[in-house]
PDB file of all heavy atoms in Angstrom:
ATOM      1  N   LYS A   1     126.428  63.185 173.043  1.00  0.00           N
ATOM      2  CA  LYS A   1     125.941  62.143 173.956  1.00  0.00           C
ATOM      3  C   LYS A   1     126.552  62.205 175.226  1.00  0.00           C
ATOM      4  O   LYS A   1     127.713  61.898 175.434  1.00  0.00           O
ATOM      5  CB  LYS A   1     126.216  60.811 173.291  1.00  0.00           C
ATOM      6  CG  LYS A   1     125.492  60.546 171.989  1.00  0.00           C
ATOM      7  CD  LYS A   1     125.751  59.273 171.334  1.00  0.00           C
ATOM      8  CE  LYS A   1     124.940  58.998 169.999  1.00  0.00           C
ATOM      9  NZ  LYS A   1     125.153  59.956 168.991  1.00  0.00           N
ATOM     10  N   LEU A   2     125.837  62.671 176.247  1.00  0.00           N
ATOM     11  CA  LEU A   2     126.383  62.838 177.626  1.00  0.00           C
ATOM     12  C   LEU A   2     125.947  61.420 178.375  1.00  0.00           C
ATOM     13  O   LEU A   2     124.784  61.099 178.257  1.00  0.00           O
ATOM     14  CB  LEU A   2     125.638  63.961 178.354  1.00  0.00           C
ATOM     15  CG  LEU A   2     126.140  64.155 179.737  1.00  0.00           C
ATOM     16  CD1 LEU A   2     127.518  64.796 179.853  1.00  0.00           C
ATOM     17  CD2 LEU A   2     125.228  65.176 180.523  1.00  0.00           C
ATOM     18  N   PHE A   3     126.926  60.840 179.060  1.00  0.00           N
ATOM     19  CA  PHE A   3     126.582  59.577 179.757  1.00  0.00           C
ATOM     20  C   PHE A   3     127.086  59.694 181.139  1.00  0.00           C
ATOM     21  O   PHE A   3     128.116  60.332 181.480  1.00  0.00           O
ATOM     22  CB  PHE A   3     127.248  58.328 179.062  1.00  0.00           C
ATOM     23  CG  PHE A   3     128.724  58.428 179.056  1.00  0.00           C
ATOM     24  CD1 PHE A   3     129.339  57.776 180.100  1.00  0.00           C
ATOM     25  CD2 PHE A   3     129.538  59.054 178.088  1.00  0.00           C
ATOM     26  CE1 PHE A   3     130.874  57.694 180.122  1.00  0.00           C
ATOM     27  CE2 PHE A   3     130.825  59.077 178.113  1.00  0.00           C
ATOM     28  CZ  PHE A   3     131.541  58.359 179.222  1.00  0.00           C
ATOM     29  N   SER A   4     126.343  59.054 182.041  1.00  0.00           N
ATOM     30  CA  SER A   4     126.714  59.009 183.508  1.00  0.00           C
ATOM     31  C   SER A   4     127.133  57.541 183.888  1.00  0.00           C
ATOM     32  O   SER A   4     126.306  56.630 183.446  1.00  0.00           O
ATOM     33  CB  SER A   4     125.562  59.420 184.420  1.00  0.00           C
ATOM     34  OG  SER A   4     125.389  60.831 184.365  1.00  0.00           O
ATOM     35  N   THR A   5     128.241  57.366 184.579  1.00  0.00           N
ATOM     36  CA  THR A   5     128.689  56.050 185.070  1.00  0.00           C
ATOM     37  C   THR A   5     128.390  55.908 186.637  1.00  0.00           C
ATOM     38  O   THR A   5     128.628  54.815 187.149  1.00  0.00           O
ATOM     39  CB  THR A   5     130.051  55.742 184.834  1.00  0.00           C
ATOM     40  OG1 THR A   5     130.843  56.919 185.339  1.00  0.00           O
ATOM     41  CG2 THR A   5     130.310  55.794 183.258  1.00  0.00           C
ATOM     42  N   ASP A   6     127.962  57.031 187.257  1.00  0.00           N
ATOM     43  CA  ASP A   6     127.594  56.943 188.624  1.00  0.00           C
ATOM     44  C   ASP A   6     126.547  58.014 188.813  1.00  0.00           C
ATOM     45  O   ASP A   6     126.275  58.813 188.029  1.00  0.00           O
ATOM     46  CB  ASP A   6     128.904  57.219 189.429  1.00  0.00           C
ATOM     47  CG  ASP A   6     128.742  56.709 190.785  1.00  0.00           C
ATOM     48  OD1 ASP A   6     127.675  56.332 191.338  1.00  0.00           O
ATOM     49  OD2 ASP A   6     129.873  56.374 191.384  1.00  0.00           O
ATOM     50  N   ASN A   7     125.879  57.829 190.072  1.00  0.00           N
ATOM     51  CA  ASN A   7     124.675  58.653 190.361  1.00  0.00           C
ATOM     52  C   ASN A   7     125.162  59.981 191.047  1.00  0.00           C
ATOM     53  O   ASN A   7     124.787  60.233 192.068  1.00  0.00           O
ATOM     54  CB  ASN A   7     123.732  57.867 191.156  1.00  0.00           C
ATOM     55  CG  ASN A   7     123.152  56.656 190.431  1.00  0.00           C
ATOM     56  OD1 ASN A   7     122.654  56.745 189.267  1.00  0.00           O
ATOM     57  ND2 ASN A   7     123.265  55.524 191.045  1.00  0.00           N
ATOM     58  N   GLU A   8     126.071  60.618 190.316  1.00  0.00           N
ATOM     59  CA  GLU A   8     126.586  61.901 190.840  1.00  0.00           C
ATOM     60  C   GLU A   8     126.446  62.969 189.713  1.00  0.00           C
ATOM     61  O   GLU A   8     126.315  62.657 188.517  1.00  0.00           O
ATOM     62  CB  GLU A   8     128.133  61.672 191.164  1.00  0.00           C
ATOM     63  CG  GLU A   8     128.381  60.752 192.320  1.00  0.00           C
ATOM     64  CD  GLU A   8     127.852  61.227 193.677  1.00  0.00           C
ATOM     65  OE1 GLU A   8     127.658  62.608 193.854  1.00  0.00           O
ATOM     66  OE2 GLU A   8     127.710  60.509 194.624  1.00  0.00           O
ATOM     67  N   PRO A   9     126.464  64.168 190.070  1.00  0.00           N
ATOM     68  CA  PRO A   9     126.298  65.258 189.057  1.00  0.00           C
ATOM     69  C   PRO A   9     127.525  65.253 188.079  1.00  0.00           C
ATOM     70  O   PRO A   9     128.683  64.920 188.416  1.00  0.00           O
ATOM     71  CB  PRO A   9     126.213  66.543 189.878  1.00  0.00           C
ATOM     72  CG  PRO A   9     125.950  66.170 191.252  1.00  0.00           C
ATOM     73  CD  PRO A   9     126.551  64.767 191.444  1.00  0.00           C
ATOM     74  N   LEU A  10     127.076  65.629 186.727  1.00  0.00           N
ATOM     75  CA  LEU A  10     128.132  65.927 185.700  1.00  0.00           C
ATOM     76  C   LEU A  10     127.969  67.411 185.470  1.00  0.00           C
ATOM     77  O   LEU A  10     126.882  67.935 185.284  1.00  0.00           O
ATOM     78  CB  LEU A  10     127.878  65.072 184.571  1.00  0.00           C
ATOM     79  CG  LEU A  10     128.252  63.659 184.638  1.00  0.00           C
ATOM     80  CD1 LEU A  10     127.858  62.900 183.289  1.00  0.00           C
ATOM     81  CD2 LEU A  10     129.807  63.458 184.757  1.00  0.00           C
ATOM     82  N   VAL A  11     129.173  68.071 185.158  1.00  0.00           N
ATOM     83  CA  VAL A  11     129.024  69.543 184.896  1.00  0.00           C
ATOM     84  C   VAL A  11     129.794  69.817 183.606  1.00  0.00           C
ATOM     85  O   VAL A  11     130.952  69.306 183.357  1.00  0.00           O
ATOM     86  CB  VAL A  11     129.760  70.293 185.993  1.00  0.00           C
ATOM     87  CG1 VAL A  11     129.791  71.872 185.567  1.00  0.00           C
ATOM     88  CG2 VAL A  11     128.978  70.211 187.340  1.00  0.00           C
ATOM     89  N   LEU A  12     129.128  70.408 182.623  1.00  0.00           N
ATOM     90  CA  LEU A  12     129.733  70.962 181.395  1.00  0.00           C
ATOM     91  C   LEU A  12     129.928  72.371 181.590  1.00  0.00           C
ATOM     92  O   LEU A  12     129.072  73.215 181.880  1.00  0.00           O
ATOM     93  CB  LEU A  12     128.877  70.715 180.209  1.00  0.00           C
ATOM     94  CG  LEU A  12     128.529  69.284 179.781  1.00  0.00           C
ATOM     95  CD1 LEU A  12     127.560  69.279 178.631  1.00  0.00           C
ATOM     96  CD2 LEU A  12     129.823  68.610 179.249  1.00  0.00           C
ATOM     97  N   MET A  13     131.238  72.768 181.314  1.00  0.00           N
ATOM     98  CA  MET A  13     131.641  74.308 181.427  1.00  0.00           C
ATOM     99  C   MET A  13     131.830  74.840 179.995  1.00  0.00           C
ATOM    100  O   MET A  13     132.378  74.147 179.092  1.00  0.00           O
ATOM    101  CB  MET A  13     132.838  74.427 182.320  1.00  0.00           C
ATOM    102  CG  MET A  13     132.703  73.981 183.652  1.00  0.00           C
ATOM    103  SD  MET A  13     134.322  74.124 184.746  1.00  0.00           S
ATOM    104  CE  MET A  13     134.703  75.936 184.349  1.00  0.00           C
ATOM    105  N   PHE A  14     131.528  76.117 179.889  1.00  0.00           N
ATOM    106  CA  PHE A  14     131.658  76.827 178.640  1.00  0.00           C
ATOM    107  C   PHE A  14     132.289  78.090 178.750  1.00  0.00           C
ATOM    108  O   PHE A  14     131.833  78.944 179.686  1.00  0.00           O
ATOM    109  CB  PHE A  14     130.266  76.911 177.814  1.00  0.00           C
ATOM    110  CG  PHE A  14     129.658  75.585 177.615  1.00  0.00           C
ATOM    111  CD1 PHE A  14     128.708  75.066 178.399  1.00  0.00           C
ATOM    112  CD2 PHE A  14     129.935  74.914 176.495  1.00  0.00           C
ATOM    113  CE1 PHE A  14     128.031  73.947 178.179  1.00  0.00           C
ATOM    114  CE2 PHE A  14     129.299  73.688 176.252  1.00  0.00           C
ATOM    115  CZ  PHE A  14     128.414  73.169 177.131  1.00  0.00           C
ATOM    116  N   ASP A  15     133.239  78.470 177.930  1.00  0.00           N
ATOM    117  CA  ASP A  15     133.850  79.804 178.017  1.00  0.00           C
ATOM    118  C   ASP A  15     133.077  80.736 177.047  1.00  0.00           C
ATOM    119  O   ASP A  15     132.514  80.331 176.048  1.00  0.00           O
ATOM    120  CB  ASP A  15     135.344  79.752 177.483  1.00  0.00           C
ATOM    121  CG  ASP A  15     136.295  78.849 178.435  1.00  0.00           C
ATOM    122  OD1 ASP A  15     135.982  78.827 179.628  1.00  0.00           O
ATOM    123  OD2 ASP A  15     137.227  78.291 177.929  1.00  0.00           O
ATOM    124  N   VAL A  16     133.026  81.962 177.490  1.00  0.00           N
ATOM    125  CA  VAL A  16     132.282  83.043 176.716  1.00  0.00           C
ATOM    126  C   VAL A  16     133.081  84.219 176.490  1.00  0.00           C
ATOM    127  O   VAL A  16     134.125  84.414 177.112  1.00  0.00           O
ATOM    128  CB  VAL A  16     130.929  83.429 177.464  1.00  0.00           C
ATOM    129  CG1 VAL A  16     130.095  82.134 177.724  1.00  0.00           C
ATOM    130  CG2 VAL A  16     131.313  84.206 178.716  1.00  0.00           C
ATOM    131  N   ALA A  17     132.710  85.065 175.491  1.00  0.00           N
ATOM    132  CA  ALA A  17     133.210  86.346 175.307  1.00  0.00           C
ATOM    133  C   ALA A  17     132.164  87.351 175.089  1.00  0.00           C
ATOM    134  O   ALA A  17     130.966  86.923 174.866  1.00  0.00           O
ATOM    135  CB  ALA A  17     134.134  86.252 173.887  1.00  0.00           C
ATOM    136  N   ASP A  18     132.476  88.599 175.278  1.00  0.00           N
ATOM    137  CA  ASP A  18     131.376  89.613 175.268  1.00  0.00           C
ATOM    138  C   ASP A  18     130.849  89.651 173.807  1.00  0.00           C
ATOM    139  O   ASP A  18     131.480  89.679 172.832  1.00  0.00           O
ATOM    140  CB  ASP A  18     132.033  91.035 175.611  1.00  0.00           C
ATOM    141  CG  ASP A  18     132.506  91.046 177.023  1.00  0.00           C
ATOM    142  OD1 ASP A  18     131.969  90.210 177.826  1.00  0.00           O
ATOM    143  OD2 ASP A  18     133.257  91.943 177.443  1.00  0.00           O
ATOM    144  N   ALA A  19     129.472  89.925 173.763  1.00  0.00           N
ATOM    145  CA  ALA A  19     128.692  90.011 172.587  1.00  0.00           C
ATOM    146  C   ALA A  19     127.276  90.433 172.921  1.00  0.00           C
ATOM    147  O   ALA A  19     126.973  90.768 173.945  1.00  0.00           O
ATOM    148  CB  ALA A  19     128.722  88.630 171.828  1.00  0.00           C
ATOM    149  N   GLU A  20     126.435  90.464 171.828  1.00  0.00           N
ATOM    150  CA  GLU A  20     125.017  90.791 172.074  1.00  0.00           C
ATOM    151  C   GLU A  20     124.322  89.609 172.758  1.00  0.00           C
ATOM    152  O   GLU A  20     124.902  88.429 172.802  1.00  0.00           O
ATOM    153  CB  GLU A  20     124.292  91.233 170.804  1.00  0.00           C
ATOM    154  CG  GLU A  20     124.733  92.535 170.287  1.00  0.00           C
ATOM    155  CD  GLU A  20     123.924  93.036 169.145  1.00  0.00           C
ATOM    156  OE1 GLU A  20     123.151  92.046 168.541  1.00  0.00           O
ATOM    157  OE2 GLU A  20     123.899  94.215 168.850  1.00  0.00           O
ATOM    158  N   THR A  21     123.141  89.661 173.327  1.00  0.00           N
ATOM    159  CA  THR A  21     122.451  88.591 173.861  1.00  0.00           C
ATOM    160  C   THR A  21     122.381  87.464 172.852  1.00  0.00           C
ATOM    161  O   THR A  21     121.885  87.789 171.671  1.00  0.00           O
ATOM    162  CB  THR A  21     121.068  88.986 174.306  1.00  0.00           C
ATOM    163  OG1 THR A  21     121.222  90.027 175.425  1.00  0.00           O
ATOM    164  CG2 THR A  21     120.285  87.864 174.967  1.00  0.00           C
ATOM    165  N   ASN A  22     122.552  86.344 173.297  1.00  0.00           N
ATOM    166  CA  ASN A  22     122.545  85.147 172.371  1.00  0.00           C
ATOM    167  C   ASN A  22     121.747  84.004 172.854  1.00  0.00           C
ATOM    168  O   ASN A  22     121.678  83.843 174.148  1.00  0.00           O
ATOM    169  CB  ASN A  22     123.916  84.529 172.153  1.00  0.00           C
ATOM    170  CG  ASN A  22     124.655  85.279 170.859  1.00  0.00           C
ATOM    171  OD1 ASN A  22     124.096  85.441 169.994  1.00  0.00           O
ATOM    172  ND2 ASN A  22     125.944  85.568 171.161  1.00  0.00           N
ATOM    173  N   ILE A  23     121.038  83.297 171.994  1.00  0.00           N
ATOM    174  CA  ILE A  23     120.267  82.101 172.355  1.00  0.00           C
ATOM    175  C   ILE A  23     120.961  80.979 171.709  1.00  0.00           C
ATOM    176  O   ILE A  23     121.241  80.901 170.573  1.00  0.00           O
ATOM    177  CB  ILE A  23     118.858  82.362 171.844  1.00  0.00           C
ATOM    178  CG1 ILE A  23     118.172  83.519 172.478  1.00  0.00           C
ATOM    179  CG2 ILE A  23     118.009  81.083 172.082  1.00  0.00           C
ATOM    180  CD1 ILE A  23     116.874  83.958 171.830  1.00  0.00           C
ATOM    181  N   TYR A  24     121.050  79.835 172.521  1.00  0.00           N
ATOM    182  CA  TYR A  24     121.639  78.625 172.089  1.00  0.00           C
ATOM    183  C   TYR A  24     120.725  77.514 172.220  1.00  0.00           C
ATOM    184  O   TYR A  24     120.103  77.275 173.374  1.00  0.00           O
ATOM    185  CB  TYR A  24     122.868  78.294 172.894  1.00  0.00           C
ATOM    186  CG  TYR A  24     124.078  79.236 172.473  1.00  0.00           C
ATOM    187  CD1 TYR A  24     124.299  80.456 173.108  1.00  0.00           C
ATOM    188  CD2 TYR A  24     125.046  78.682 171.500  1.00  0.00           C
ATOM    189  CE1 TYR A  24     125.391  81.201 172.681  1.00  0.00           C
ATOM    190  CE2 TYR A  24     126.130  79.487 171.160  1.00  0.00           C
ATOM    191  CZ  TYR A  24     126.230  80.726 171.694  1.00  0.00           C
ATOM    192  OH  TYR A  24     127.288  81.584 171.312  1.00  0.00           O
ATOM    193  N   ARG A  25     120.510  76.720 171.172  1.00  0.00           N
ATOM    194  CA  ARG A  25     119.780  75.512 171.284  1.00  0.00           C
ATOM    195  C   ARG A  25     120.610  74.414 171.683  1.00  0.00           C
ATOM    196  O   ARG A  25     121.781  74.295 171.205  1.00  0.00           O
ATOM    197  CB  ARG A  25     119.212  75.141 169.800  1.00  0.00           C
ATOM    198  CG  ARG A  25     118.185  73.958 169.946  1.00  0.00           C
ATOM    199  CD  ARG A  25     117.679  73.720 168.428  1.00  0.00           C
ATOM    200  NE  ARG A  25     116.725  72.559 168.443  1.00  0.00           N
ATOM    201  CZ  ARG A  25     116.274  72.076 167.318  1.00  0.00           C
ATOM    202  NH1 ARG A  25     116.843  72.356 166.057  1.00  0.00           N
ATOM    203  NH2 ARG A  25     115.411  71.090 167.341  1.00  0.00           N
ATOM    204  N   VAL A  26     120.280  73.537 172.633  1.00  0.00           N
ATOM    205  CA  VAL A  26     120.993  72.494 173.101  1.00  0.00           C
ATOM    206  C   VAL A  26     120.439  71.146 172.601  1.00  0.00           C
ATOM    207  O   VAL A  26     119.294  70.829 172.785  1.00  0.00           O
ATOM    208  CB  VAL A  26     121.205  72.342 174.639  1.00  0.00           C
ATOM    209  CG1 VAL A  26     122.036  71.239 175.078  1.00  0.00           C
ATOM    210  CG2 VAL A  26     121.665  73.759 175.165  1.00  0.00           C
ATOM    211  N   LEU A  27     121.214  70.393 171.809  1.00  0.00           N
ATOM    212  CA  LEU A  27     120.849  69.136 171.196  1.00  0.00           C
ATOM    213  C   LEU A  27     121.646  67.961 171.861  1.00  0.00           C
ATOM    214  O   LEU A  27     122.920  67.929 171.533  1.00  0.00           O
ATOM    215  CB  LEU A  27     121.078  69.205 169.782  1.00  0.00           C
ATOM    216  CG  LEU A  27     120.153  70.160 168.916  1.00  0.00           C
ATOM    217  CD1 LEU A  27     120.788  70.501 167.554  1.00  0.00           C
ATOM    218  CD2 LEU A  27     118.690  69.769 168.840  1.00  0.00           C
ATOM    219  N   GLN A  28     121.067  67.166 172.547  1.00  0.00           N
ATOM    220  CA  GLN A  28     121.924  66.238 173.414  1.00  0.00           C
ATOM    221  C   GLN A  28     121.123  64.887 173.574  1.00  0.00           C
ATOM    222  O   GLN A  28     119.919  64.837 173.445  1.00  0.00           O
ATOM    223  CB  GLN A  28     122.440  66.720 174.708  1.00  0.00           C
ATOM    224  CG  GLN A  28     121.361  66.863 175.734  1.00  0.00           C
ATOM    225  CD  GLN A  28     121.910  67.149 177.201  1.00  0.00           C
ATOM    226  OE1 GLN A  28     121.930  68.228 177.586  1.00  0.00           O
ATOM    227  NE2 GLN A  28     122.131  66.007 177.812  1.00  0.00           N
TER     228      GLN A  28
END
């Protein structure tokens, strides 16, 4: 559950490691 309290951008950052091409489903 991502929520905004002001009308400004929110940024989620994710760390990665080397691997084969991957596909991620985002459920939010």
